[in-house]
Amino acid sequence: MEVTKVLHMNGGMGDASYAKNSLLQQKVILMTKSITDEAISSLYNNLSPRETICIANLGCSSGPNTFLPVSQLIQTIDKEKKQGS
């Protein structure tokens, strides 16, 4: 049996899916939002105008938590950009 077929999240919306069983992960994402926001704000404010921030979601989730952290990062950067203009 291949490891790649064993170690993955269950997709879809069934009872055993990641989407239905990821509340703990979502709570941790939300609990750490202020720490993440502070780190991203600091990073953004210390960039020179020619530097770029690249964001990649390297997780393997397939439910509502998939885009939550990336969305929060983009919102924080957008807020910092608006405050700096």
Protein backbone atom coordinates (compact mmCIF):
# COMPACT_ATOMS: atom_id res chain seq x y z
CA MET A 1 0.00 0.00 0.00
CA GLU A 2 1.40 3.39 -0.99
CA VAL A 3 1.86 6.01 1.73
CA THR A 4 0.29 8.68 -0.47
CA LYS A 5 -2.94 6.72 -0.52
CA VAL A 6 -3.03 6.31 3.26
CA LEU A 7 -2.06 9.75 4.58
CA HIS A 8 -4.63 12.18 3.22
CA MET A 9 -7.69 14.08 4.38
CA ASN A 10 -11.12 12.74 3.52
CA GLY A 11 -12.69 15.06 0.98
CA GLY A 12 -16.36 15.78 0.44
CA MET A 13 -19.01 16.56 3.02
CA GLY A 14 -19.61 13.08 4.49
CA ASP A 15 -19.57 12.24 8.21
CA ALA A 16 -15.89 11.22 8.07
CA SER A 17 -14.79 14.18 5.94
CA TYR A 18 -12.28 16.78 7.03
CA ALA A 19 -14.92 19.45 6.40
CA LYS A 20 -17.14 17.91 9.10
CA ASN A 21 -14.33 17.06 11.53
CA SER A 22 -12.05 20.09 11.53
CA LEU A 23 -13.54 22.31 14.23
CA LEU A 24 -10.47 21.98 16.46
CA GLN A 25 -8.18 23.10 13.64
CA GLN A 26 -10.46 26.06 12.92
CA LYS A 27 -10.40 27.09 16.60
CA VAL A 28 -6.58 27.05 16.59
CA ILE A 29 -6.47 29.11 13.39
CA LEU A 30 -8.81 31.69 14.93
CA MET A 31 -7.00 31.68 18.31
CA THR A 32 -3.66 32.42 16.64
CA LYS A 33 -5.04 35.13 14.31
CA SER A 34 -3.72 38.04 16.40
CA ILE A 35 -0.22 36.51 16.51
CA THR A 36 -0.27 35.86 12.77
CA ASP A 37 -1.63 39.35 12.04
CA GLU A 38 1.14 40.95 14.10
CA ALA A 39 3.84 38.91 12.35
CA ILE A 40 2.47 39.64 8.87
CA SER A 41 2.06 43.35 9.67
CA SER A 42 5.65 43.53 10.87
CA LEU A 43 6.89 41.69 7.81
CA TYR A 44 4.90 43.91 5.44
CA ASN A 45 6.01 47.13 7.12
CA ASN A 46 9.68 46.13 6.88
CA LEU A 47 9.60 45.38 3.16
CA SER A 48 11.15 47.69 0.65
CA PRO A 49 8.79 48.84 -2.14
CA ARG A 50 10.44 46.40 -4.58
CA GLU A 51 10.02 43.29 -2.40
CA THR A 52 7.17 40.83 -2.74
CA ILE A 53 5.33 38.62 -0.26
CA CYS A 54 4.46 35.16 -1.58
CA ILE A 55 1.81 33.11 0.20
CA ALA A 56 1.42 29.35 -0.25
CA ASN A 57 -0.98 27.01 1.50
CA LEU A 58 0.94 23.75 1.78
CA GLY A 59 -1.65 21.97 3.90
CA CYS A 60 -3.71 19.03 2.77
CA SER A 61 -7.13 20.01 4.08
CA SER A 62 -10.14 20.03 1.79
CA GLY A 63 -12.81 21.79 3.84
CA PRO A 64 -13.62 25.23 5.19
CA ASN A 65 -10.19 25.62 6.81
CA THR A 66 -8.40 25.33 3.48
CA PHE A 67 -8.54 29.02 2.63
CA LEU A 68 -9.14 30.58 6.08
CA PRO A 69 -5.47 31.24 7.00
CA VAL A 70 -4.58 32.51 3.52
CA SER A 71 -7.65 34.73 3.47
CA GLN A 72 -6.68 36.18 6.85
CA LEU A 73 -3.14 36.90 5.62
CA ILE A 74 -4.43 38.68 2.52
CA GLN A 75 -6.85 40.76 4.62
CA THR A 76 -4.05 41.78 6.99
CA ILE A 77 -1.76 42.80 4.11
CA ASP A 78 -4.60 44.73 2.48
CA LYS A 79 -5.30 46.56 5.75
CA GLU A 80 -1.62 47.45 6.17
CA LYS A 81 -1.43 48.66 2.58
CA LYS A 82 -4.47 50.93 3.05
CA GLN A 83 -3.08 52.35 6.31
CA GLY A 84 0.25 53.09 4.64
CA SER A 85 -1.22 54.97 1.68
